[in-house]
Amino acid sequence: GFQVDIVSSAGAVGLWQFMPSTGRIFGLRVDDWIDERRDFEK
């Protein structure tokens, strides 16, 4: 729904609903400080 901070019941996050592992495969930082799945550009 074009929401950057939405989290699915499975743990997918962001505009493109990346799971943590898939996000990292495609270069996104996901840790306790940064979650680039929420960064619309990255």
Full PDB file with SEQRES, HELIX, SHEET, SSBOND, CRYST1, ORIGX, SCALE, CONECT and MASTER records, all heavy atoms in Angstrom:
SEQRES   1 A   42  GLY PHE GLN VAL ASP ILE VAL SER SER ALA GLY ALA VAL          
SEQRES   2 A   42  GLY LEU TRP GLN PHE MET PRO SER THR GLY ARG ILE PHE          
SEQRES   3 A   42  GLY LEU ARG VAL ASP ASP TRP ILE ASP GLU ARG ARG ASP          
SEQRES   4 A   42  PHE GLU LYS                                                  
HELIX    1 AA1 PRO A   20  ILE A   25  1                                   6    
HELIX    2 AA2 GLU A   36  ARG A   38  5                                   3    
CRYST1    1.000    1.000    1.000  90.00  90.00  90.00 P 1           1          
ORIGX1      1.000000  0.000000  0.000000        0.00000                         
ORIGX2      0.000000  1.000000  0.000000        0.00000                         
ORIGX3      0.000000  0.000000  1.000000        0.00000                         
SCALE1      1.000000  0.000000  0.000000        0.00000                         
SCALE2      0.000000  1.000000  0.000000        0.00000                         
SCALE3      0.000000  0.000000  1.000000        0.00000                         
ATOM      1  N   GLY A   1       0.818  -1.208   0.000  1.00  0.00           N  
ATOM      2  CA  GLY A   1       0.000   0.000   0.000  1.00  0.00           C  
ATOM      3  C   GLY A   1       0.851   1.258   0.000  1.00  0.00           C  
ATOM      4  O   GLY A   1       0.439   2.299   0.489  1.00  0.00           O  
ATOM      5  N   PHE A   2       2.073   1.162  -0.570  1.00  0.00           N  
ATOM      6  CA  PHE A   2       3.037   2.274  -0.610  1.00  0.00           C  
ATOM      7  C   PHE A   2       3.343   2.799   0.792  1.00  0.00           C  
ATOM      8  O   PHE A   2       3.399   4.001   1.026  1.00  0.00           O  
ATOM      9  CB  PHE A   2       2.531   3.410  -1.499  1.00  0.00           C  
ATOM     10  CG  PHE A   2       2.464   3.083  -2.962  1.00  0.00           C  
ATOM     11  CD1 PHE A   2       1.255   3.114  -3.640  1.00  0.00           C  
ATOM     12  CD2 PHE A   2       3.606   2.744  -3.661  1.00  0.00           C  
ATOM     13  CE1 PHE A   2       1.184   2.818  -4.999  1.00  0.00           C  
ATOM     14  CE2 PHE A   2       3.553   2.437  -5.007  1.00  0.00           C  
ATOM     15  CZ  PHE A   2       2.339   2.471  -5.681  1.00  0.00           C  
ATOM     16  N   GLN A   3       3.586   1.894   1.733  1.00  0.00           N  
ATOM     17  CA  GLN A   3       3.954   2.278   3.097  1.00  0.00           C  
ATOM     18  C   GLN A   3       5.351   1.750   3.412  1.00  0.00           C  
ATOM     19  O   GLN A   3       5.597   0.547   3.326  1.00  0.00           O  
ATOM     20  CB  GLN A   3       2.942   1.714   4.096  1.00  0.00           C  
ATOM     21  CG  GLN A   3       1.536   2.260   3.893  1.00  0.00           C  
ATOM     22  CD  GLN A   3       0.532   1.619   4.830  1.00  0.00           C  
ATOM     23  OE1 GLN A   3       0.369   2.052   5.972  1.00  0.00           O  
ATOM     24  NE2 GLN A   3      -0.140   0.592   4.368  1.00  0.00           N  
ATOM     25  N   VAL A   4       6.255   2.648   3.800  1.00  0.00           N  
ATOM     26  CA  VAL A   4       7.649   2.248   4.008  1.00  0.00           C  
ATOM     27  C   VAL A   4       7.860   1.490   5.310  1.00  0.00           C  
ATOM     28  O   VAL A   4       8.841   0.752   5.448  1.00  0.00           O  
ATOM     29  CB  VAL A   4       8.596   3.473   3.988  1.00  0.00           C  
ATOM     30  CG1 VAL A   4       8.621   4.126   2.628  1.00  0.00           C  
ATOM     31  CG2 VAL A   4       8.229   4.476   5.080  1.00  0.00           C  
ATOM     32  N   ASP A   5       6.966   1.676   6.277  1.00  0.00           N  
ATOM     33  CA  ASP A   5       7.202   1.081   7.591  1.00  0.00           C  
ATOM     34  C   ASP A   5       6.263  -0.074   7.911  1.00  0.00           C  
ATOM     35  O   ASP A   5       6.217  -0.551   9.038  1.00  0.00           O  
ATOM     36  CB  ASP A   5       7.090   2.141   8.690  1.00  0.00           C  
ATOM     37  CG  ASP A   5       5.756   2.885   8.650  1.00  0.00           C  
ATOM     38  OD1 ASP A   5       4.957   2.625   7.721  1.00  0.00           O  
ATOM     39  OD2 ASP A   5       5.521   3.725   9.534  1.00  0.00           O  
ATOM     40  N   ILE A   6       5.536  -0.552   6.926  1.00  0.00           N  
ATOM     41  CA  ILE A   6       4.593  -1.634   7.180  1.00  0.00           C  
ATOM     42  C   ILE A   6       5.339  -2.959   7.345  1.00  0.00           C  
ATOM     43  O   ILE A   6       6.339  -3.222   6.671  1.00  0.00           O  
ATOM     44  CB  ILE A   6       3.541  -1.721   6.052  1.00  0.00           C  
ATOM     45  CG1 ILE A   6       2.370  -2.598   6.483  1.00  0.00           C  
ATOM     46  CG2 ILE A   6       4.160  -2.227   4.752  1.00  0.00           C  
ATOM     47  CD1 ILE A   6       1.160  -2.490   5.580  1.00  0.00           C  
ATOM     48  N   VAL A   7       4.862  -3.780   8.274  1.00  0.00           N  
ATOM     49  CA  VAL A   7       5.474  -5.081   8.557  1.00  0.00           C  
ATOM     50  C   VAL A   7       4.400  -6.156   8.416  1.00  0.00           C  
ATOM     51  O   VAL A   7       3.332  -6.064   9.025  1.00  0.00           O  
ATOM     52  CB  VAL A   7       6.062  -5.126   9.983  1.00  0.00           C  
ATOM     53  CG1 VAL A   7       6.735  -6.477  10.240  1.00  0.00           C  
ATOM     54  CG2 VAL A   7       7.050  -3.983  10.206  1.00  0.00           C  
ATOM     55  N   SER A   8       4.684  -7.176   7.612  1.00  0.00           N  
ATOM     56  CA  SER A   8       3.720  -8.254   7.430  1.00  0.00           C  
ATOM     57  C   SER A   8       3.805  -9.241   8.585  1.00  0.00           C  
ATOM     58  O   SER A   8       4.758  -9.225   9.383  1.00  0.00           O  
ATOM     59  CB  SER A   8       3.982  -8.992   6.110  1.00  0.00           C  
ATOM     60  OG  SER A   8       5.085  -9.875   6.244  1.00  0.00           O  
ATOM     61  N   SER A   9       2.833 -10.124   8.668  1.00  0.00           N  
ATOM     62  CA  SER A   9       2.826 -11.138   9.728  1.00  0.00           C  
ATOM     63  C   SER A   9       4.017 -12.082   9.593  1.00  0.00           C  
ATOM     64  O   SER A   9       4.446 -12.687  10.577  1.00  0.00           O  
ATOM     65  CB  SER A   9       1.519 -11.934   9.675  1.00  0.00           C  
ATOM     66  OG  SER A   9       1.365 -12.550   8.397  1.00  0.00           O  
ATOM     67  N   ALA A  10       4.565 -12.192   8.382  1.00  0.00           N  
ATOM     68  CA  ALA A  10       5.724 -13.069   8.166  1.00  0.00           C  
ATOM     69  C   ALA A  10       7.048 -12.369   8.446  1.00  0.00           C  
ATOM     70  O   ALA A  10       8.106 -13.000   8.434  1.00  0.00           O  
ATOM     71  CB  ALA A  10       5.717 -13.590   6.731  1.00  0.00           C  
ATOM     72  N   GLY A  11       6.995 -11.036   8.672  1.00  0.00           N  
ATOM     73  CA  GLY A  11       8.218 -10.287   8.955  1.00  0.00           C  
ATOM     74  C   GLY A  11       8.788  -9.547   7.774  1.00  0.00           C  
ATOM     75  O   GLY A  11       9.884  -8.984   7.858  1.00  0.00           O  
ATOM     76  N   ALA A  12       8.052  -9.511   6.650  1.00  0.00           N  
ATOM     77  CA  ALA A  12       8.482  -8.716   5.499  1.00  0.00           C  
ATOM     78  C   ALA A  12       8.221  -7.243   5.793  1.00  0.00           C  
ATOM     79  O   ALA A  12       7.234  -6.893   6.434  1.00  0.00           O  
ATOM     80  CB  ALA A  12       7.738  -9.152   4.242  1.00  0.00           C  
ATOM     81  N   VAL A  13       9.115  -6.373   5.307  1.00  0.00           N  
ATOM     82  CA  VAL A  13       9.070  -4.954   5.690  1.00  0.00           C  
ATOM     83  C   VAL A  13       9.230  -4.052   4.471  1.00  0.00           C  
ATOM     84  O   VAL A  13       9.964  -4.376   3.536  1.00  0.00           O  
ATOM     85  CB  VAL A  13      10.197  -4.647   6.712  1.00  0.00           C  
ATOM     86  CG1 VAL A  13      10.342  -3.153   6.943  1.00  0.00           C  
ATOM     87  CG2 VAL A  13       9.929  -5.344   8.041  1.00  0.00           C  
ATOM     88  N   GLY A  14       8.541  -2.922   4.524  1.00  0.00           N  
ATOM     89  CA  GLY A  14       8.799  -1.834   3.595  1.00  0.00           C  
ATOM     90  C   GLY A  14       7.964  -1.832   2.334  1.00  0.00           C  
ATOM     91  O   GLY A  14       7.077  -2.665   2.138  1.00  0.00           O  
ATOM     92  N   LEU A  15       8.254  -0.852   1.473  1.00  0.00           N  
ATOM     93  CA  LEU A  15       7.531  -0.696   0.207  1.00  0.00           C  
ATOM     94  C   LEU A  15       7.467  -1.989  -0.577  1.00  0.00           C  
ATOM     95  O   LEU A  15       6.447  -2.331  -1.168  1.00  0.00           O  
ATOM     96  CB  LEU A  15       8.214   0.365  -0.662  1.00  0.00           C  
ATOM     97  CG  LEU A  15       8.032   1.841  -0.363  1.00  0.00           C  
ATOM     98  CD1 LEU A  15       8.821   2.668  -1.360  1.00  0.00           C  
ATOM     99  CD2 LEU A  15       6.557   2.226  -0.424  1.00  0.00           C  
ATOM    100  N   TRP A  16       8.602  -2.698  -0.600  1.00  0.00           N  
ATOM    101  CA  TRP A  16       8.723  -3.880  -1.458  1.00  0.00           C  
ATOM    102  C   TRP A  16       8.667  -5.168  -0.653  1.00  0.00           C  
ATOM    103  O   TRP A  16       8.912  -6.244  -1.194  1.00  0.00           O  
ATOM    104  CB  TRP A  16      10.011  -3.793  -2.281  1.00  0.00           C  
ATOM    105  CG  TRP A  16      10.083  -2.526  -3.071  1.00  0.00           C  
ATOM    106  CD1 TRP A  16      10.846  -1.424  -2.796  1.00  0.00           C  
ATOM    107  CD2 TRP A  16       9.342  -2.205  -4.249  1.00  0.00           C  
ATOM    108  NE1 TRP A  16      10.633  -0.443  -3.731  1.00  0.00           N  
ATOM    109  CE2 TRP A  16       9.705  -0.890  -4.635  1.00  0.00           C  
ATOM    110  CE3 TRP A  16       8.403  -2.892  -5.023  1.00  0.00           C  
ATOM    111  CZ2 TRP A  16       9.177  -0.260  -5.757  1.00  0.00           C  
ATOM    112  CZ3 TRP A  16       7.869  -2.263  -6.137  1.00  0.00           C  
ATOM    113  CH2 TRP A  16       8.255  -0.966  -6.493  1.00  0.00           C  
ATOM    114  N   GLN A  17       8.371  -5.065   0.630  1.00  0.00           N  
ATOM    115  CA  GLN A  17       8.128  -6.225   1.495  1.00  0.00           C  
ATOM    116  C   GLN A  17       9.233  -7.276   1.418  1.00  0.00           C  
ATOM    117  O   GLN A  17       8.990  -8.463   1.142  1.00  0.00           O  
ATOM    118  CB  GLN A  17       6.767  -6.832   1.176  1.00  0.00           C  
ATOM    119  CG  GLN A  17       5.599  -5.979   1.651  1.00  0.00           C  
ATOM    120  CD  GLN A  17       5.473  -5.958   3.173  1.00  0.00           C  
ATOM    121  OE1 GLN A  17       4.928  -6.878   3.767  1.00  0.00           O  
ATOM    122  NE2 GLN A  17       5.964  -4.903   3.803  1.00  0.00           N  
ATOM    123  N   PHE A  18      10.458  -6.848   1.679  1.00  0.00           N  
ATOM    124  CA  PHE A  18      11.583  -7.768   1.726  1.00  0.00           C  
ATOM    125  C   PHE A  18      11.627  -8.493   3.064  1.00  0.00           C  
ATOM    126  O   PHE A  18      11.473  -7.880   4.122  1.00  0.00           O  
ATOM    127  CB  PHE A  18      12.904  -7.016   1.546  1.00  0.00           C  
ATOM    128  CG  PHE A  18      13.273  -6.744   0.117  1.00  0.00           C  
ATOM    129  CD1 PHE A  18      13.133  -5.467  -0.416  1.00  0.00           C  
ATOM    130  CD2 PHE A  18      13.774  -7.749  -0.690  1.00  0.00           C  
ATOM    131  CE1 PHE A  18      13.480  -5.209  -1.728  1.00  0.00           C  
ATOM    132  CE2 PHE A  18      14.124  -7.500  -2.004  1.00  0.00           C  
ATOM    133  CZ  PHE A  18      13.980  -6.227  -2.528  1.00  0.00           C  
ATOM    134  N   MET A  19      11.892  -9.784   3.007  1.00  0.00           N  
ATOM    135  CA  MET A  19      12.273 -10.521   4.201  1.00  0.00           C  
ATOM    136  C   MET A  19      13.729 -10.177   4.511  1.00  0.00           C  
ATOM    137  O   MET A  19      14.479  -9.782   3.607  1.00  0.00           O  
ATOM    138  CB  MET A  19      12.111 -12.025   3.985  1.00  0.00           C  
ATOM    139  CG  MET A  19      10.671 -12.469   3.777  1.00  0.00           C  
ATOM    140  SD  MET A  19       9.635 -12.196   5.243  1.00  0.00           S  
ATOM    141  CE  MET A  19      10.251 -13.513   6.320  1.00  0.00           C  
ATOM    142  N   PRO A  20      14.168 -10.309   5.784  1.00  0.00           N  
ATOM    143  CA  PRO A  20      15.548  -9.928   6.118  1.00  0.00           C  
ATOM    144  C   PRO A  20      16.602 -10.601   5.242  1.00  0.00           C  
ATOM    145  O   PRO A  20      17.520  -9.948   4.744  1.00  0.00           O  
ATOM    146  CB  PRO A  20      15.682 -10.349   7.582  1.00  0.00           C  
ATOM    147  CG  PRO A  20      14.295 -10.311   8.120  1.00  0.00           C  
ATOM    148  CD  PRO A  20      13.416 -10.740   6.986  1.00  0.00           C  
ATOM    149  N   SER A  21      16.467 -11.907   5.034  1.00  0.00           N  
ATOM    150  CA  SER A  21      17.489 -12.638   4.269  1.00  0.00           C  
ATOM    151  C   SER A  21      17.537 -12.196   2.821  1.00  0.00           C  
ATOM    152  O   SER A  21      18.618 -12.001   2.252  1.00  0.00           O  
ATOM    153  CB  SER A  21      17.221 -14.144   4.351  1.00  0.00           C  
ATOM    154  OG  SER A  21      15.917 -14.450   3.873  1.00  0.00           O  
ATOM    155  N   THR A  22      16.370 -11.994   2.201  1.00  0.00           N  
ATOM    156  CA  THR A  22      16.339 -11.555   0.805  1.00  0.00           C  
ATOM    157  C   THR A  22      16.872 -10.141   0.679  1.00  0.00           C  
ATOM    158  O   THR A  22      17.594  -9.815  -0.264  1.00  0.00           O  
ATOM    159  CB  THR A  22      14.903 -11.626   0.249  1.00  0.00           C  
ATOM    160  OG1 THR A  22      14.343 -12.902   0.541  1.00  0.00           O  
ATOM    161  CG2 THR A  22      14.893 -11.395  -1.255  1.00  0.00           C  
ATOM    162  N   GLY A  23      16.516  -9.286   1.632  1.00  0.00           N  
ATOM    163  CA  GLY A  23      17.033  -7.922   1.618  1.00  0.00           C  
ATOM    164  C   GLY A  23      18.552  -7.897   1.650  1.00  0.00           C  
ATOM    165  O   GLY A  23      19.191  -7.158   0.895  1.00  0.00           O  
ATOM    166  N   ARG A  24      19.129  -8.714   2.519  1.00  0.00           N  
ATOM    167  CA  ARG A  24      20.597  -8.749   2.621  1.00  0.00           C  
ATOM    168  C   ARG A  24      21.229  -9.274   1.330  1.00  0.00           C  
ATOM    169  O   ARG A  24      22.289  -8.794   0.915  1.00  0.00           O  
ATOM    170  CB  ARG A  24      21.010  -9.609   3.808  1.00  0.00           C  
ATOM    171  CG  ARG A  24      20.638  -9.012   5.162  1.00  0.00           C  
ATOM    172  CD  ARG A  24      21.202  -9.824   6.316  1.00  0.00           C  
ATOM    173  NE  ARG A  24      20.751  -9.308   7.605  1.00  0.00           N  
ATOM    174  CZ  ARG A  24      19.826  -9.893   8.358  1.00  0.00           C  
ATOM    175  NH1 ARG A  24      19.258 -11.033   7.962  1.00  0.00           N  
ATOM    176  NH2 ARG A  24      19.474  -9.359   9.514  1.00  0.00           N  
ATOM    177  N   ILE A  25      20.591 -10.264   0.701  1.00  0.00           N  
ATOM    178  CA  ILE A  25      21.110 -10.795  -0.572  1.00  0.00           C  
ATOM    179  C   ILE A  25      21.249  -9.683  -1.600  1.00  0.00           C  
ATOM    180  O   ILE A  25      22.213  -9.643  -2.374  1.00  0.00           O  
ATOM    181  CB  ILE A  25      20.192 -11.915  -1.105  1.00  0.00           C  
ATOM    182  CG1 ILE A  25      20.330 -13.173  -0.246  1.00  0.00           C  
ATOM    183  CG2 ILE A  25      20.512 -12.236  -2.569  1.00  0.00           C  
ATOM    184  CD1 ILE A  25      19.307 -14.250  -0.563  1.00  0.00           C  
ATOM    185  N   PHE A  26      20.303  -8.760  -1.593  1.00  0.00           N  
ATOM    186  CA  PHE A  26      20.304  -7.671  -2.573  1.00  0.00           C  
ATOM    187  C   PHE A  26      20.877  -6.368  -2.008  1.00  0.00           C  
ATOM    188  O   PHE A  26      20.596  -5.277  -2.500  1.00  0.00           O  
ATOM    189  CB  PHE A  26      18.903  -7.473  -3.146  1.00  0.00           C  
ATOM    190  CG  PHE A  26      18.488  -8.605  -4.046  1.00  0.00           C  
ATOM    191  CD1 PHE A  26      17.738  -9.660  -3.551  1.00  0.00           C  
ATOM    192  CD2 PHE A  26      18.905  -8.650  -5.365  1.00  0.00           C  
ATOM    193  CE1 PHE A  26      17.382 -10.728  -4.363  1.00  0.00           C  
ATOM    194  CE2 PHE A  26      18.557  -9.705  -6.186  1.00  0.00           C  
ATOM    195  CZ  PHE A  26      17.796 -10.755  -5.686  1.00  0.00           C  
ATOM    196  N   GLY A  27      21.708  -6.500  -0.967  1.00  0.00           N  
ATOM    197  CA  GLY A  27      22.537  -5.384  -0.523  1.00  0.00           C  
ATOM    198  C   GLY A  27      21.969  -4.476   0.535  1.00  0.00           C  
ATOM    199  O   GLY A  27      22.539  -3.408   0.793  1.00  0.00           O  
ATOM    200  N   LEU A  28      20.875  -4.858   1.170  1.00  0.00           N  
ATOM    201  CA  LEU A  28      20.280  -4.004   2.195  1.00  0.00           C  
ATOM    202  C   LEU A  28      20.825  -4.345   3.573  1.00  0.00           C  
ATOM    203  O   LEU A  28      20.997  -5.521   3.910  1.00  0.00           O  
ATOM    204  CB  LEU A  28      18.753  -4.158   2.203  1.00  0.00           C  
ATOM    205  CG  LEU A  28      18.029  -3.747   0.919  1.00  0.00           C  
ATOM    206  CD1 LEU A  28      16.532  -3.993   1.059  1.00  0.00           C  
ATOM    207  CD2 LEU A  28      18.300  -2.286   0.574  1.00  0.00           C  
ATOM    208  N   ARG A  29      21.079  -3.322   4.353  1.00  0.00           N  
ATOM    209  CA  ARG A  29      21.534  -3.519   5.729  1.00  0.00           C  
ATOM    210  C   ARG A  29      20.321  -3.706   6.633  1.00  0.00           C  
ATOM    211  O   ARG A  29      19.400  -2.879   6.643  1.00  0.00           O  
ATOM    212  CB  ARG A  29      22.362  -2.323   6.196  1.00  0.00           C  
ATOM    213  CG  ARG A  29      22.810  -2.427   7.654  1.00  0.00           C  
ATOM    214  CD  ARG A  29      23.783  -1.326   8.046  1.00  0.00           C  
ATOM    215  NE  ARG A  29      24.117  -1.419   9.465  1.00  0.00           N  
ATOM    216  CZ  ARG A  29      25.025  -0.661  10.080  1.00  0.00           C  
ATOM    217  NH1 ARG A  29      25.697   0.240   9.377  1.00  0.00           N  
ATOM    218  NH2 ARG A  29      25.271  -0.804  11.370  1.00  0.00           N  
ATOM    219  N   VAL A  30      20.318  -4.785   7.389  1.00  0.00           N  
ATOM    220  CA  VAL A  30      19.226  -5.071   8.324  1.00  0.00           C  
ATOM    221  C   VAL A  30      19.843  -5.546   9.634  1.00  0.00           C  
ATOM    222  O   VAL A  30      20.370  -6.654   9.717  1.00  0.00           O  
ATOM    223  CB  VAL A  30      18.266  -6.149   7.767  1.00  0.00           C  
ATOM    224  CG1 VAL A  30      17.111  -6.372   8.738  1.00  0.00           C  
ATOM    225  CG2 VAL A  30      17.739  -5.770   6.392  1.00  0.00           C  
ATOM    226  N   ASP A  31      19.812  -4.690  10.660  1.00  0.00           N  
ATOM    227  CA  ASP A  31      20.360  -5.056  11.969  1.00  0.00           C  
ATOM    228  C   ASP A  31      19.637  -4.266  13.058  1.00  0.00           C  
ATOM    229  O   ASP A  31      18.568  -3.694  12.806  1.00  0.00           O  
ATOM    230  CB  ASP A  31      21.883  -4.844  12.021  1.00  0.00           C  
ATOM    231  CG  ASP A  31      22.308  -3.408  11.695  1.00  0.00           C  
ATOM    232  OD1 ASP A  31      21.573  -2.469  12.067  1.00  0.00           O  
ATOM    233  OD2 ASP A  31      23.368  -3.223  11.069  1.00  0.00           O  
ATOM    234  N   ASP A  32      20.206  -4.217  14.246  1.00  0.00           N  
ATOM    235  CA  ASP A  32      19.537  -3.550  15.362  1.00  0.00           C  
ATOM    236  C   ASP A  32      19.501  -2.031  15.233  1.00  0.00           C  
ATOM    237  O   ASP A  32      18.724  -1.366  15.924  1.00  0.00           O  
ATOM    238  CB  ASP A  32      20.225  -3.913  16.690  1.00  0.00           C  
ATOM    239  CG  ASP A  32      19.950  -5.344  17.115  1.00  0.00           C  
ATOM    240  OD1 ASP A  32      18.957  -5.914  16.617  1.00  0.00           O  
ATOM    241  OD2 ASP A  32      20.708  -5.886  17.936  1.00  0.00           O  
ATOM    242  N   TRP A  33      20.351  -1.475  14.399  1.00  0.00           N  
ATOM    243  CA  TRP A  33      20.435  -0.023  14.244  1.00  0.00           C  
ATOM    244  C   TRP A  33      19.755   0.471  12.969  1.00  0.00           C  
ATOM    245  O   TRP A  33      19.106   1.518  12.980  1.00  0.00           O  
ATOM    246  CB  TRP A  33      21.899   0.426  14.234  1.00  0.00           C  
ATOM    247  CG  TRP A  33      22.604   0.168  15.518  1.00  0.00           C  
ATOM    248  CD1 TRP A  33      23.325  -0.952  15.849  1.00  0.00           C  
ATOM    249  CD2 TRP A  33      22.636   1.008  16.674  1.00  0.00           C  
ATOM    250  NE1 TRP A  33      23.802  -0.848  17.129  1.00  0.00           N  
ATOM    251  CE2 TRP A  33      23.406   0.347  17.665  1.00  0.00           C  
ATOM    252  CE3 TRP A  33      22.103   2.262  16.961  1.00  0.00           C  
ATOM    253  CZ2 TRP A  33      23.651   0.895  18.912  1.00  0.00           C  
ATOM    254  CZ3 TRP A  33      22.352   2.818  18.211  1.00  0.00           C  
ATOM    255  CH2 TRP A  33      23.107   2.139  19.169  1.00  0.00           C  
ATOM    256  N   ILE A  34      19.938  -0.277  11.903  1.00  0.00           N  
ATOM    257  CA  ILE A  34      19.494   0.147  10.576  1.00  0.00           C  
ATOM    258  C   ILE A  34      18.655  -0.948   9.939  1.00  0.00           C  
ATOM    259  O   ILE A  34      18.997  -2.128   9.995  1.00  0.00           O  
ATOM    260  CB  ILE A  34      20.712   0.430   9.656  1.00  0.00           C  
ATOM    261  CG1 ILE A  34      21.615   1.507  10.259  1.00  0.00           C  
ATOM    262  CG2 ILE A  34      20.243   0.829   8.259  1.00  0.00           C  
ATOM    263  CD1 ILE A  34      21.000   2.885  10.340  1.00  0.00           C  
ATOM    264  N   ASP A  35      17.554  -0.537   9.306  1.00  0.00           N  
ATOM    265  CA  ASP A  35      16.765  -1.463   8.486  1.00  0.00           C  
ATOM    266  C   ASP A  35      16.482  -0.773   7.157  1.00  0.00           C  
ATOM    267  O   ASP A  35      15.536   0.004   7.036  1.00  0.00           O  
ATOM    268  CB  ASP A  35      15.463  -1.851   9.177  1.00  0.00           C  
ATOM    269  CG  ASP A  35      14.730  -2.972   8.435  1.00  0.00           C  
ATOM    270  OD1 ASP A  35      15.099  -3.252   7.280  1.00  0.00           O  
ATOM    271  OD2 ASP A  35      13.804  -3.569   9.024  1.00  0.00           O  
ATOM    272  N   GLU A  36      17.346  -1.046   6.180  1.00  0.00           N  
ATOM    273  CA  GLU A  36      17.236  -0.354   4.895  1.00  0.00           C  
ATOM    274  C   GLU A  36      16.084  -0.860   4.046  1.00  0.00           C  
ATOM    275  O   GLU A  36      15.819  -0.287   2.985  1.00  0.00           O  
ATOM    276  CB  GLU A  36      18.561  -0.444   4.146  1.00  0.00           C  
ATOM    277  CG  GLU A  36      19.650   0.370   4.833  1.00  0.00           C  
ATOM    278  CD  GLU A  36      21.010   0.304   4.158  1.00  0.00           C  
ATOM    279  OE1 GLU A  36      21.248  -0.636   3.367  1.00  0.00           O  
ATOM    280  OE2 GLU A  36      21.841   1.184   4.443  1.00  0.00           O  
ATOM    281  N   ARG A  37      15.351  -1.841   4.509  1.00  0.00           N  
ATOM    282  CA  ARG A  37      14.105  -2.214   3.837  1.00  0.00           C  
ATOM    283  C   ARG A  37      13.094  -1.071   3.947  1.00  0.00           C  
ATOM    284  O   ARG A  37      12.157  -0.985   3.139  1.00  0.00           O  
ATOM    285  CB  ARG A  37      13.528  -3.483   4.452  1.00  0.00           C  
ATOM    286  CG  ARG A  37      14.397  -4.724   4.268  1.00  0.00           C  
ATOM    287  CD  ARG A  37      13.820  -5.919   4.990  1.00  0.00           C  
ATOM    288  NE  ARG A  37      13.762  -5.719   6.440  1.00  0.00           N  
ATOM    289  CZ  ARG A  37      13.122  -6.533   7.277  1.00  0.00           C  
ATOM    290  NH1 ARG A  37      12.465  -7.576   6.812  1.00  0.00           N  
ATOM    291  NH2 ARG A  37      13.136  -6.289   8.580  1.00  0.00           N  
ATOM    292  N   ARG A  38      13.290  -0.201   4.942  1.00  0.00           N  
ATOM    293  CA  ARG A  38      12.410   0.948   5.153  1.00  0.00           C  
ATOM    294  C   ARG A  38      12.879   2.186   4.383  1.00  0.00           C  
ATOM    295  O   ARG A  38      12.192   3.215   4.390  1.00  0.00           O  
ATOM    296  CB  ARG A  38      12.341   1.283   6.648  1.00  0.00           C  
ATOM    297  CG  ARG A  38      11.800   0.162   7.514  1.00  0.00           C  
ATOM    298  CD  ARG A  38      11.987   0.471   8.991  1.00  0.00           C  
ATOM    299  NE  ARG A  38      11.607  -0.644   9.835  1.00  0.00           N  
ATOM    300  CZ  ARG A  38      10.412  -0.790  10.420  1.00  0.00           C  
ATOM    301  NH1 ARG A  38       9.493   0.141  10.245  1.00  0.00           N  
ATOM    302  NH2 ARG A  38      10.147  -1.834  11.167  1.00  0.00           N  
ATOM    303  N   ASP A  39      14.032   2.127   3.781  1.00  0.00           N  
ATOM    304  CA  ASP A  39      14.573   3.225   2.986  1.00  0.00           C  
ATOM    305  C   ASP A  39      14.020   3.078   1.571  1.00  0.00           C  
ATOM    306  O   ASP A  39      14.372   2.149   0.846  1.00  0.00           O  
ATOM    307  CB  ASP A  39      16.103   3.153   2.980  1.00  0.00           C  
ATOM    308  CG  ASP A  39      16.759   4.308   2.253  1.00  0.00           C  
ATOM    309  OD1 ASP A  39      16.321   4.639   1.129  1.00  0.00           O  
ATOM    310  OD2 ASP A  39      17.733   4.872   2.779  1.00  0.00           O  
ATOM    311  N   PHE A  40      13.133   3.999   1.172  1.00  0.00           N  
ATOM    312  CA  PHE A  40      12.435   3.797  -0.102  1.00  0.00           C  
ATOM    313  C   PHE A  40      13.391   3.760  -1.288  1.00  0.00           C  
ATOM    314  O   PHE A  40      13.181   3.013  -2.247  1.00  0.00           O  
ATOM    315  CB  PHE A  40      11.351   4.868  -0.299  1.00  0.00           C  
ATOM    316  CG  PHE A  40      11.830   6.166  -0.897  1.00  0.00           C  
ATOM    317  CD1 PHE A  40      11.818   6.367  -2.269  1.00  0.00           C  
ATOM    318  CD2 PHE A  40      12.294   7.190  -0.088  1.00  0.00           C  
ATOM    319  CE1 PHE A  40      12.254   7.555  -2.822  1.00  0.00           C  
ATOM    320  CE2 PHE A  40      12.733   8.383  -0.628  1.00  0.00           C  
ATOM    321  CZ  PHE A  40      12.712   8.565  -2.005  1.00  0.00           C  
ATOM    322  N   GLU A  41      14.480   4.532  -1.236  1.00  0.00           N  
ATOM    323  CA  GLU A  41      15.405   4.568  -2.362  1.00  0.00           C  
ATOM    324  C   GLU A  41      16.272   3.307  -2.398  1.00  0.00           C  
ATOM    325  O   GLU A  41      16.370   2.632  -3.435  1.00  0.00           O  
ATOM    326  CB  GLU A  41      16.284   5.810  -2.272  1.00  0.00           C  
ATOM    327  CG  GLU A  41      17.175   6.007  -3.487  1.00  0.00           C  
ATOM    328  CD  GLU A  41      17.949   7.316  -3.417  1.00  0.00           C  
ATOM    329  OE1 GLU A  41      18.770   7.461  -2.494  1.00  0.00           O  
ATOM    330  OE2 GLU A  41      17.729   8.172  -4.283  1.00  0.00           O  
ATOM    331  N   LYS A  42      16.889   2.968  -1.283  1.00  0.00           N  
ATOM    332  CA  LYS A  42      17.752   1.786  -1.249  1.00  0.00           C  
ATOM    333  C   LYS A  42      16.961   0.507  -1.481  1.00  0.00           C  
ATOM    334  O   LYS A  42      17.434  -0.410  -2.160  1.00  0.00           O  
ATOM    335  CB  LYS A  42      18.502   1.730   0.082  1.00  0.00           C  
ATOM    336  CG  LYS A  42      19.556   2.814   0.228  1.00  0.00           C  
ATOM    337  CD  LYS A  42      20.280   2.725   1.558  1.00  0.00           C  
ATOM    338  CE  LYS A  42      21.341   3.812   1.680  1.00  0.00           C  
ATOM    339  NZ  LYS A  42      22.028   3.781   2.996  1.00  0.00           N  
TER     340      LYS A  42                                                      
MASTER        0    0    0    2    0    0    0    6  339    1    0    4          
END                                                                             
